[in-house]
Amino acid sequence: MEINKGEIMSNKTKGYTDWTEVAKTVMQGKKIVDVGYISKDEALNYMWNSRGIYFMLDDGTKCIVMRDDEGNDAGVLAYVNTGVDSVLPVIDMDYEDRYLNKKEK
């Protein structure tokens, strides 16, 4: 199923978008081929103070975890499995520079 942005916006203006179907179209059946934290430059480009997780799908789609749907900052990614309930945290860039002394870009 190909995403038709016009159709999504049309449904949105009617007050309804089946976001589960959009999520399935974007991610279902695809493989994660790369995972990491976005670079400092990318975070600054979004005007964020933190770096968060991204994952790349085999079709070239880059999924970035955001704090909210307005993209106000990086967000945590929760993961749950038998006996495990945790998060991959954001990395605060001020903390990173001050205490971890990383010069990552």
N, C-alpha and C. Protein backbone atom coordinates (compact mmCIF):
# COMPACT_ATOMS: atom_id res chain seq x y z
N MET A 1 0.84 -1.18 0.00
CA MET A 1 0.00 0.00 0.00
C MET A 1 0.88 1.24 0.00
N GLU A 2 0.69 2.09 -0.94
CA GLU A 2 1.47 3.32 -1.04
C GLU A 2 0.74 4.44 -0.31
N ILE A 3 1.50 5.27 0.40
CA ILE A 3 0.89 6.39 1.12
C ILE A 3 0.55 7.49 0.13
N ASN A 4 -0.68 7.91 0.15
CA ASN A 4 -1.13 9.03 -0.67
C ASN A 4 -1.36 10.20 0.27
N LYS A 5 -0.40 11.15 0.30
CA LYS A 5 -0.48 12.26 1.25
C LYS A 5 -1.74 13.08 1.06
N GLY A 6 -2.18 13.24 -0.16
CA GLY A 6 -3.42 13.98 -0.41
C GLY A 6 -4.61 13.31 0.25
N GLU A 7 -4.63 11.99 0.17
CA GLU A 7 -5.73 11.23 0.79
C GLU A 7 -5.66 11.35 2.30
N ILE A 8 -4.46 11.26 2.85
CA ILE A 8 -4.31 11.39 4.30
C ILE A 8 -4.79 12.76 4.74
N MET A 9 -4.37 13.81 4.06
CA MET A 9 -4.78 15.15 4.43
C MET A 9 -6.28 15.32 4.26
N SER A 10 -6.85 14.72 3.22
CA SER A 10 -8.28 14.79 3.00
C SER A 10 -9.02 14.16 4.17
N ASN A 11 -8.56 12.98 4.60
CA ASN A 11 -9.18 12.32 5.74
C ASN A 11 -8.96 13.13 7.02
N LYS A 12 -7.80 13.76 7.14
CA LYS A 12 -7.49 14.55 8.32
C LYS A 12 -8.45 15.73 8.42
N THR A 13 -8.74 16.36 7.31
CA THR A 13 -9.66 17.50 7.35
C THR A 13 -11.07 17.05 7.71
N LYS A 14 -11.38 15.79 7.47
CA LYS A 14 -12.67 15.26 7.90
C LYS A 14 -12.62 14.88 9.38
N GLY A 15 -11.48 15.03 10.01
CA GLY A 15 -11.36 14.73 11.43
C GLY A 15 -10.92 13.31 11.72
N TYR A 16 -10.51 12.56 10.70
CA TYR A 16 -10.14 11.17 10.94
C TYR A 16 -9.04 10.74 9.99
N THR A 17 -8.02 10.17 10.54
CA THR A 17 -6.98 9.50 9.76
C THR A 17 -6.72 8.17 10.45
N ASP A 18 -6.69 7.10 9.71
CA ASP A 18 -6.40 5.79 10.28
C ASP A 18 -4.88 5.67 10.41
N TRP A 19 -4.35 6.18 11.52
CA TRP A 19 -2.91 6.22 11.72
C TRP A 19 -2.32 4.83 11.85
N THR A 20 -3.11 3.85 12.28
CA THR A 20 -2.62 2.48 12.31
C THR A 20 -2.29 2.02 10.90
N GLU A 21 -3.14 2.35 9.95
CA GLU A 21 -2.88 1.97 8.56
C GLU A 21 -1.65 2.70 8.01
N VAL A 22 -1.49 3.96 8.37
CA VAL A 22 -0.31 4.71 7.94
C VAL A 22 0.94 4.06 8.52
N ALA A 23 0.91 3.74 9.83
CA ALA A 23 2.06 3.10 10.49
C ALA A 23 2.39 1.76 9.83
N LYS A 24 1.36 0.98 9.49
CA LYS A 24 1.59 -0.29 8.82
C LYS A 24 2.23 -0.08 7.46
N THR A 25 1.77 0.92 6.74
CA THR A 25 2.32 1.21 5.43
C THR A 25 3.79 1.61 5.53
N VAL A 26 4.12 2.39 6.52
CA VAL A 26 5.49 2.87 6.69
C VAL A 26 6.43 1.76 7.17
N MET A 27 5.96 0.90 8.10
CA MET A 27 6.89 0.00 8.77
C MET A 27 6.65 -1.50 8.61
N GLN A 28 5.43 -1.94 8.46
CA GLN A 28 5.16 -3.38 8.50
C GLN A 28 5.84 -4.12 7.36
N GLY A 29 6.48 -5.22 7.71
CA GLY A 29 7.14 -6.08 6.72
C GLY A 29 8.51 -5.60 6.30
N LYS A 30 8.96 -4.48 6.83
CA LYS A 30 10.27 -3.95 6.47
C LYS A 30 11.28 -4.34 7.53
N LYS A 31 12.54 -4.32 7.15
CA LYS A 31 13.60 -4.68 8.08
C LYS A 31 14.33 -3.42 8.55
N ILE A 32 14.73 -3.45 9.81
CA ILE A 32 15.58 -2.38 10.34
C ILE A 32 17.00 -2.71 9.92
N VAL A 33 17.63 -1.78 9.21
CA VAL A 33 18.97 -2.04 8.69
C VAL A 33 20.05 -1.21 9.39
N ASP A 34 19.64 -0.22 10.17
CA ASP A 34 20.60 0.60 10.91
C ASP A 34 19.88 1.24 12.08
N VAL A 35 20.62 1.41 13.18
CA VAL A 35 20.09 2.01 14.41
C VAL A 35 21.18 2.87 15.01
N GLY A 36 20.81 3.98 15.59
CA GLY A 36 21.78 4.82 16.28
C GLY A 36 21.11 6.04 16.87
N TYR A 37 21.93 6.93 17.36
CA TYR A 37 21.44 8.23 17.84
C TYR A 37 21.69 9.25 16.74
N ILE A 38 20.75 10.17 16.54
CA ILE A 38 20.97 11.20 15.54
C ILE A 38 22.20 12.00 15.93
N SER A 39 22.83 12.61 14.95
CA SER A 39 24.04 13.39 15.20
C SER A 39 23.70 14.71 15.88
N LYS A 40 24.70 15.33 16.45
CA LYS A 40 24.51 16.67 17.05
C LYS A 40 24.05 17.66 15.99
N ASP A 41 24.65 17.59 14.81
CA ASP A 41 24.25 18.50 13.73
C ASP A 41 22.78 18.32 13.36
N GLU A 42 22.34 17.07 13.29
CA GLU A 42 20.94 16.82 12.96
C GLU A 42 20.02 17.35 14.06
N ALA A 43 20.39 17.11 15.31
CA ALA A 43 19.59 17.61 16.43
C ALA A 43 19.51 19.14 16.39
N LEU A 44 20.64 19.79 16.13
CA LEU A 44 20.65 21.25 16.05
C LEU A 44 19.80 21.74 14.87
N ASN A 45 19.82 21.00 13.78
CA ASN A 45 18.99 21.35 12.63
C ASN A 45 17.50 21.35 12.99
N TYR A 46 17.10 20.40 13.86
CA TYR A 46 15.71 20.35 14.35
C TYR A 46 15.48 21.37 15.48
N MET A 47 16.54 22.05 15.91
CA MET A 47 16.51 22.99 17.04
C MET A 47 16.18 22.26 18.35
N TRP A 48 16.80 21.09 18.52
CA TRP A 48 16.62 20.28 19.72
C TRP A 48 17.82 20.44 20.64
N ASN A 49 17.61 20.12 21.92
CA ASN A 49 18.67 20.13 22.93
C ASN A 49 19.18 18.72 23.24
N SER A 50 18.55 17.72 22.63
CA SER A 50 18.89 16.33 22.91
C SER A 50 19.01 15.54 21.62
N ARG A 51 19.72 14.43 21.73
CA ARG A 51 19.81 13.50 20.60
C ARG A 51 19.03 12.24 20.95
N GLY A 52 18.24 11.77 20.01
CA GLY A 52 17.43 10.58 20.25
C GLY A 52 17.73 9.49 19.24
N ILE A 53 17.07 8.38 19.44
CA ILE A 53 17.25 7.19 18.60
C ILE A 53 16.63 7.39 17.23
N TYR A 54 17.28 6.81 16.24
CA TYR A 54 16.68 6.68 14.91
C TYR A 54 16.87 5.23 14.48
N PHE A 55 16.02 4.80 13.57
CA PHE A 55 16.28 3.53 12.90
C PHE A 55 15.95 3.69 11.43
N MET A 56 16.75 3.03 10.61
CA MET A 56 16.61 3.10 9.16
C MET A 56 16.01 1.80 8.67
N LEU A 57 15.00 1.92 7.80
CA LEU A 57 14.35 0.74 7.23
C LEU A 57 14.98 0.40 5.88
N ASP A 58 14.74 -0.82 5.44
CA ASP A 58 15.36 -1.30 4.21
C ASP A 58 14.88 -0.59 2.94
N ASP A 59 13.85 0.23 3.04
CA ASP A 59 13.40 0.99 1.88
C ASP A 59 13.92 2.43 1.90
N GLY A 60 14.83 2.72 2.86
CA GLY A 60 15.41 4.06 2.94
C GLY A 60 14.69 5.00 3.89
N THR A 61 13.59 4.56 4.50
CA THR A 61 12.85 5.39 5.45
C THR A 61 13.63 5.51 6.75
N LYS A 62 13.84 6.74 7.21
CA LYS A 62 14.51 6.97 8.49
C LYS A 62 13.44 7.36 9.50
N CYS A 63 13.30 6.57 10.55
CA CYS A 63 12.34 6.83 11.61
C CYS A 63 13.09 7.44 12.79
N ILE A 64 12.64 8.59 13.24
CA ILE A 64 13.29 9.32 14.33
C ILE A 64 12.30 9.46 15.47
N VAL A 65 12.73 9.10 16.67
CA VAL A 65 11.86 9.19 17.84
C VAL A 65 11.84 10.64 18.31
N MET A 66 10.62 11.21 18.37
CA MET A 66 10.44 12.60 18.79
C MET A 66 9.61 12.65 20.07
N ARG A 67 9.77 13.73 20.81
CA ARG A 67 9.06 13.91 22.08
C ARG A 67 7.54 13.94 21.86
N ASP A 68 7.11 14.60 20.80
CA ASP A 68 5.68 14.72 20.53
C ASP A 68 5.46 14.89 19.03
N ASP A 69 4.21 14.98 18.63
CA ASP A 69 3.92 15.04 17.20
C ASP A 69 4.22 16.40 16.58
N GLU A 70 4.63 17.37 17.39
CA GLU A 70 5.08 18.66 16.87
C GLU A 70 6.60 18.70 16.70
N GLY A 71 7.29 17.64 17.11
CA GLY A 71 8.74 17.58 16.96
C GLY A 71 9.49 18.53 17.88
N ASN A 72 9.02 18.67 19.13
CA ASN A 72 9.61 19.63 20.06
C ASN A 72 10.96 19.23 20.64
N ASP A 73 11.35 18.00 20.55
CA ASP A 73 12.69 17.55 20.97
C ASP A 73 12.74 16.05 20.73
N ALA A 74 13.90 15.49 20.96
CA ALA A 74 14.06 14.04 20.83
C ALA A 74 13.24 13.36 21.93
N GLY A 75 12.86 12.13 21.68
CA GLY A 75 12.09 11.37 22.65
C GLY A 75 12.73 10.03 22.94
N VAL A 76 12.28 9.41 24.02
CA VAL A 76 12.80 8.09 24.39
C VAL A 76 12.05 7.02 23.61
N LEU A 77 12.71 5.90 23.43
CA LEU A 77 12.09 4.74 22.81
C LEU A 77 11.97 3.67 23.88
N ALA A 78 10.74 3.29 24.20
CA ALA A 78 10.52 2.24 25.20
C ALA A 78 10.60 0.88 24.52
N TYR A 79 11.10 -0.10 25.24
CA TYR A 79 11.10 -1.47 24.74
C TYR A 79 10.70 -2.41 25.86
N VAL A 80 9.91 -3.41 25.49
CA VAL A 80 9.34 -4.34 26.46
C VAL A 80 9.50 -5.75 25.92
N ASN A 81 9.97 -6.65 26.77
CA ASN A 81 10.07 -8.06 26.44
C ASN A 81 9.93 -8.81 27.76
N THR A 82 9.88 -10.09 27.73
CA THR A 82 9.75 -10.87 28.96
C THR A 82 10.83 -10.49 29.95
N GLY A 83 10.43 -9.97 31.09
CA GLY A 83 11.37 -9.59 32.14
C GLY A 83 12.09 -8.28 31.90
N VAL A 84 11.79 -7.58 30.81
CA VAL A 84 12.47 -6.32 30.49
C VAL A 84 11.43 -5.25 30.19
N ASP A 85 11.60 -4.12 30.82
CA ASP A 85 10.74 -2.96 30.58
C ASP A 85 11.61 -1.74 30.79
N SER A 86 12.10 -1.16 29.70
CA SER A 86 13.07 -0.09 29.83
C SER A 86 12.95 0.90 28.67
N VAL A 87 13.84 1.88 28.65
CA VAL A 87 13.87 2.87 27.59
C VAL A 87 15.29 3.07 27.09
N LEU A 88 15.39 3.50 25.83
CA LEU A 88 16.64 4.02 25.29
C LEU A 88 16.51 5.54 25.44
N PRO A 89 17.29 6.15 26.31
CA PRO A 89 17.08 7.55 26.68
C PRO A 89 17.54 8.52 25.61
N VAL A 90 17.12 9.77 25.77
CA VAL A 90 17.70 10.83 24.96
C VAL A 90 19.07 11.16 25.56
N ILE A 91 19.93 11.74 24.74
CA ILE A 91 21.23 12.19 25.22
C ILE A 91 21.21 13.71 25.20
N ASP A 92 21.20 14.32 26.36
CA ASP A 92 21.22 15.77 26.47
C ASP A 92 22.58 16.26 25.99
N MET A 93 22.59 17.16 25.02
CA MET A 93 23.86 17.58 24.41
C MET A 93 24.73 18.40 25.36
N ASP A 94 24.13 19.20 26.23
CA ASP A 94 24.93 19.95 27.21
C ASP A 94 25.61 18.99 28.18
N TYR A 95 24.86 18.01 28.67
CA TYR A 95 25.42 17.00 29.57
C TYR A 95 26.52 16.22 28.86
N GLU A 96 26.26 15.84 27.64
CA GLU A 96 27.23 15.07 26.85
C GLU A 96 28.53 15.85 26.70
N ASP A 97 28.44 17.13 26.35
CA ASP A 97 29.65 17.94 26.18
C ASP A 97 30.37 18.16 27.50
N ARG A 98 29.62 18.39 28.56
CA ARG A 98 30.21 18.71 29.86
C ARG A 98 30.83 17.49 30.53
N TYR A 99 30.13 16.35 30.50
CA TYR A 99 30.56 15.21 31.32
C TYR A 99 31.11 14.03 30.51
N LEU A 100 30.68 13.88 29.31
CA LEU A 100 31.14 12.72 28.53
C LEU A 100 32.25 13.07 27.56
N ASN A 101 32.43 14.38 27.33
CA ASN A 101 33.50 14.90 26.47
C ASN A 101 33.53 14.26 25.10
N LYS A 102 32.38 14.04 24.51
CA LYS A 102 32.32 13.48 23.17
C LYS A 102 32.23 14.61 22.17
N LYS A 103 32.90 14.47 21.09
CA LYS A 103 32.88 15.47 20.02
C LYS A 103 32.21 14.89 18.78
N GLU A 104 31.14 14.14 19.01
CA GLU A 104 30.44 13.46 17.92
C GLU A 104 29.70 14.46 17.04
N LYS A 105 29.66 14.15 15.75
CA LYS A 105 28.88 14.97 14.82
C LYS A 105 28.00 14.09 14.03
